[in-house]
Amino acid sequence: MEQFETVASVALLLIVIVSIWKIFSKAGQPGWKSIIPIYNIYVLFRIAGKPGWWLIFVFIPLVNIPFLLIVSIALAKSFNKDTGFGLGLFFLAAVFLALLAFGDAKYIGTGGGREDAEKI
């Protein structure tokens, strides 16, 4: 049973990594940025149209929850998805990241537009 849990965890991790790589590519960012710890969160915030300095709040317990919820919804909207999809990204990240990555979603930009994300 323990071996199954390990295999399932590794499979889930690979799905998330590949999905985020694909999302970065759709947003015009090099996929390799998605595998660099901490920097990948910064780039994801910028793709979602949120300020990069919000990264600081990710490391503060309980404070990070509303910020990550806001970013999840903003990320969904930057790919022309609704708030419900953003809530799915927050609560069921692996599933909704894969849907965003491999579905028909196109990056439309938010806030300052696509140009902001390209300056990263």
C-alpha atoms as a PDB file:
ATOM      1  CA  MET A   1       0.000   0.000   0.000  1.00  0.00           C
ATOM      2  CA  GLU A   2       2.843   2.359   0.842  1.00  0.00           C
ATOM      3  CA  GLN A   3       4.384   1.801  -2.578  1.00  0.00           C
ATOM      4  CA  PHE A   4       1.098   2.772  -4.278  1.00  0.00           C
ATOM      5  CA  GLU A   5       0.994   6.031  -2.319  1.00  0.00           C
ATOM      6  CA  THR A   6       4.529   6.864  -3.410  1.00  0.00           C
ATOM      7  CA  VAL A   7       3.784   6.154  -7.067  1.00  0.00           C
ATOM      8  CA  ALA A   8       0.553   8.180  -6.895  1.00  0.00           C
ATOM      9  CA  SER A   9       2.364  11.114  -5.277  1.00  0.00           C
ATOM     10  CA  VAL A  10       5.098  11.128  -7.908  1.00  0.00           C
ATOM     11  CA  ALA A  11       2.498  10.905 -10.708  1.00  0.00           C
ATOM     12  CA  LEU A  12       0.544  13.828  -9.246  1.00  0.00           C
ATOM     13  CA  LEU A  13       3.726  15.862  -8.877  1.00  0.00           C
ATOM     14  CA  LEU A  14       4.665  15.215 -12.517  1.00  0.00           C
ATOM     15  CA  ILE A  15       1.190  16.260 -13.683  1.00  0.00           C
ATOM     16  CA  VAL A  16       1.488  19.539 -11.765  1.00  0.00           C
ATOM     17  CA  ILE A  17       5.015  20.271 -13.049  1.00  0.00           C
ATOM     18  CA  VAL A  18       4.080  19.586 -16.676  1.00  0.00           C
ATOM     19  CA  SER A  19       0.865  21.608 -16.320  1.00  0.00           C
ATOM     20  CA  ILE A  20       2.617  24.660 -14.891  1.00  0.00           C
ATOM     21  CA  TRP A  21       5.304  24.425 -17.584  1.00  0.00           C
ATOM     22  CA  LYS A  22       2.561  24.442 -20.242  1.00  0.00           C
ATOM     23  CA  ILE A  23       0.730  27.351 -18.563  1.00  0.00           C
ATOM     24  CA  PHE A  24       3.945  29.394 -18.549  1.00  0.00           C
ATOM     25  CA  SER A  25       4.419  28.609 -22.245  1.00  0.00           C
ATOM     26  CA  LYS A  26       0.857  29.675 -23.062  1.00  0.00           C
ATOM     27  CA  ALA A  27       1.513  32.970 -21.275  1.00  0.00           C
ATOM     28  CA  GLY A  28       4.624  33.614 -23.366  1.00  0.00           C
ATOM     29  CA  GLN A  29       7.125  32.673 -20.665  1.00  0.00           C
ATOM     30  CA  PRO A  30       9.867  30.066 -21.050  1.00  0.00           C
ATOM     31  CA  GLY A  31       8.752  26.812 -19.454  1.00  0.00           C
ATOM     32  CA  TRP A  32      12.004  26.407 -17.524  1.00  0.00           C
ATOM     33  CA  LYS A  33      10.951  29.285 -15.269  1.00  0.00           C
ATOM     34  CA  SER A  34       8.273  27.008 -13.838  1.00  0.00           C
ATOM     35  CA  ILE A  35      10.774  24.631 -12.221  1.00  0.00           C
ATOM     36  CA  ILE A  36      12.814  27.194 -10.281  1.00  0.00           C
ATOM     37  CA  PRO A  37      11.530  27.344  -6.698  1.00  0.00           C
ATOM     38  CA  ILE A  38      10.203  30.704  -5.480  1.00  0.00           C
ATOM     39  CA  TYR A  39      10.951  32.377  -8.824  1.00  0.00           C
ATOM     40  CA  ASN A  40       8.150  30.309 -10.377  1.00  0.00           C
ATOM     41  CA  ILE A  41       5.663  31.798  -7.898  1.00  0.00           C
ATOM     42  CA  TYR A  42       6.891  35.301  -8.737  1.00  0.00           C
ATOM     43  CA  VAL A  43       6.420  34.653 -12.476  1.00  0.00           C
ATOM     44  CA  LEU A  44       2.986  33.123 -11.862  1.00  0.00           C
ATOM     45  CA  PHE A  45       1.937  36.254  -9.953  1.00  0.00           C
ATOM     46  CA  ARG A  46       3.117  38.411 -12.856  1.00  0.00           C
ATOM     47  CA  ILE A  47       1.246  36.224 -15.372  1.00  0.00           C
ATOM     48  CA  ALA A  48      -1.867  36.703 -13.246  1.00  0.00           C
ATOM     49  CA  GLY A  49      -1.318  40.468 -13.330  1.00  0.00           C
ATOM     50  CA  LYS A  50      -0.457  40.797  -9.648  1.00  0.00           C
ATOM     51  CA  PRO A  51       2.585  42.617  -8.265  1.00  0.00           C
ATOM     52  CA  GLY A  52       5.686  40.494  -7.793  1.00  0.00           C
ATOM     53  CA  TRP A  53       6.249  41.816  -4.278  1.00  0.00           C
ATOM     54  CA  TRP A  54       3.144  39.865  -3.157  1.00  0.00           C
ATOM     55  CA  LEU A  55       5.517  36.901  -3.053  1.00  0.00           C
ATOM     56  CA  ILE A  56       6.462  38.050   0.452  1.00  0.00           C
ATOM     57  CA  PHE A  57       2.968  37.181   1.710  1.00  0.00           C
ATOM     58  CA  VAL A  58       3.223  33.584   0.495  1.00  0.00           C
ATOM     59  CA  PHE A  59       5.661  32.891   3.326  1.00  0.00           C
ATOM     60  CA  ILE A  60       3.414  34.247   6.112  1.00  0.00           C
ATOM     61  CA  PRO A  61       1.099  31.562   7.512  1.00  0.00           C
ATOM     62  CA  LEU A  62      -2.637  32.335   7.282  1.00  0.00           C
ATOM     63  CA  VAL A  63      -1.909  35.633   5.522  1.00  0.00           C
ATOM     64  CA  ASN A  64      -0.964  33.642   2.423  1.00  0.00           C
ATOM     65  CA  ILE A  65      -4.436  32.111   2.047  1.00  0.00           C
ATOM     66  CA  PRO A  66      -6.337  35.195   0.814  1.00  0.00           C
ATOM     67  CA  PHE A  67      -3.423  36.224  -1.417  1.00  0.00           C
ATOM     68  CA  LEU A  68      -3.251  32.798  -3.048  1.00  0.00           C
ATOM     69  CA  LEU A  69      -7.034  32.814  -3.510  1.00  0.00           C
ATOM     70  CA  ILE A  70      -6.877  36.218  -5.219  1.00  0.00           C
ATOM     71  CA  VAL A  71      -4.026  35.081  -7.454  1.00  0.00           C
ATOM     72  CA  SER A  72      -5.874  31.858  -8.367  1.00  0.00           C
ATOM     73  CA  ILE A  73      -8.913  33.844  -9.493  1.00  0.00           C
ATOM     74  CA  ALA A  74      -6.725  36.378 -11.340  1.00  0.00           C
ATOM     75  CA  LEU A  75      -4.853  33.547 -13.079  1.00  0.00           C
ATOM     76  CA  ALA A  76      -8.143  32.042 -14.229  1.00  0.00           C
ATOM     77  CA  LYS A  77      -9.320  35.418 -15.542  1.00  0.00           C
ATOM     78  CA  SER A  78      -6.025  35.974 -17.360  1.00  0.00           C
ATOM     79  CA  PHE A  79      -6.888  32.835 -19.339  1.00  0.00           C
ATOM     80  CA  ASN A  80     -10.481  34.012 -19.920  1.00  0.00           C
ATOM     81  CA  LYS A  81     -11.980  31.698 -17.299  1.00  0.00           C
ATOM     82  CA  ASP A  82     -14.498  32.683 -14.623  1.00  0.00           C
ATOM     83  CA  THR A  83     -14.262  33.022 -10.847  1.00  0.00           C
ATOM     84  CA  GLY A  84     -15.541  29.467 -10.378  1.00  0.00           C
ATOM     85  CA  PHE A  85     -12.572  28.157 -12.327  1.00  0.00           C
ATOM     86  CA  GLY A  86     -10.306  30.283 -10.120  1.00  0.00           C
ATOM     87  CA  LEU A  87     -11.835  28.695  -7.032  1.00  0.00           C
ATOM     88  CA  GLY A  88     -11.148  25.314  -8.617  1.00  0.00           C
ATOM     89  CA  LEU A  89      -7.509  26.335  -9.085  1.00  0.00           C
ATOM     90  CA  PHE A  90      -7.341  27.200  -5.397  1.00  0.00           C
ATOM     91  CA  PHE A  91      -9.088  24.123  -3.964  1.00  0.00           C
ATOM     92  CA  LEU A  92      -8.214  21.419  -6.541  1.00  0.00           C
ATOM     93  CA  ALA A  93      -5.016  22.790  -8.018  1.00  0.00           C
ATOM     94  CA  ALA A  94      -3.720  19.667  -9.767  1.00  0.00           C
ATOM     95  CA  VAL A  95      -6.958  19.057 -11.668  1.00  0.00           C
ATOM     96  CA  PHE A  96      -7.603  22.662 -12.669  1.00  0.00           C
ATOM     97  CA  LEU A  97      -3.968  23.373 -13.572  1.00  0.00           C
ATOM     98  CA  ALA A  98      -4.138  20.426 -15.982  1.00  0.00           C
ATOM     99  CA  LEU A  99      -7.441  21.705 -17.408  1.00  0.00           C
ATOM    100  CA  LEU A 100      -5.930  25.148 -17.895  1.00  0.00           C
ATOM    101  CA  ALA A 101      -2.734  23.778 -19.425  1.00  0.00           C
ATOM    102  CA  PHE A 102      -4.179  21.200 -21.784  1.00  0.00           C
ATOM    103  CA  GLY A 103      -7.554  22.754 -22.512  1.00  0.00           C
ATOM    104  CA  ASP A 104      -8.389  25.407 -25.073  1.00  0.00           C
ATOM    105  CA  ALA A 105      -7.623  28.339 -22.724  1.00  0.00           C
ATOM    106  CA  LYS A 106      -5.665  31.202 -24.272  1.00  0.00           C
ATOM    107  CA  TYR A 107      -3.697  33.782 -22.328  1.00  0.00           C
ATOM    108  CA  ILE A 108      -5.389  37.177 -22.677  1.00  0.00           C
ATOM    109  CA  GLY A 109      -3.464  39.065 -19.980  1.00  0.00           C
ATOM    110  CA  THR A 110      -4.802  41.058 -17.040  1.00  0.00           C
ATOM    111  CA  GLY A 111      -4.105  44.359 -15.391  1.00  0.00           C
ATOM    112  CA  GLY A 112      -1.276  45.902 -17.387  1.00  0.00           C
ATOM    113  CA  GLY A 113      -1.825  43.321 -20.126  1.00  0.00           C
ATOM    114  CA  ARG A 114       0.436  40.757 -21.677  1.00  0.00           C
ATOM    115  CA  GLU A 115       3.294  43.220 -22.001  1.00  0.00           C
ATOM    116  CA  ASP A 116       3.826  43.182 -18.208  1.00  0.00           C
ATOM    117  CA  ALA A 117       4.282  39.424 -18.140  1.00  0.00           C
ATOM    118  CA  GLU A 118       6.709  39.554 -21.070  1.00  0.00           C
ATOM    119  CA  LYS A 119       9.044  41.903 -19.154  1.00  0.00           C
ATOM    120  CA  ILE A 120       9.880  39.242 -16.562  1.00  0.00           C
END
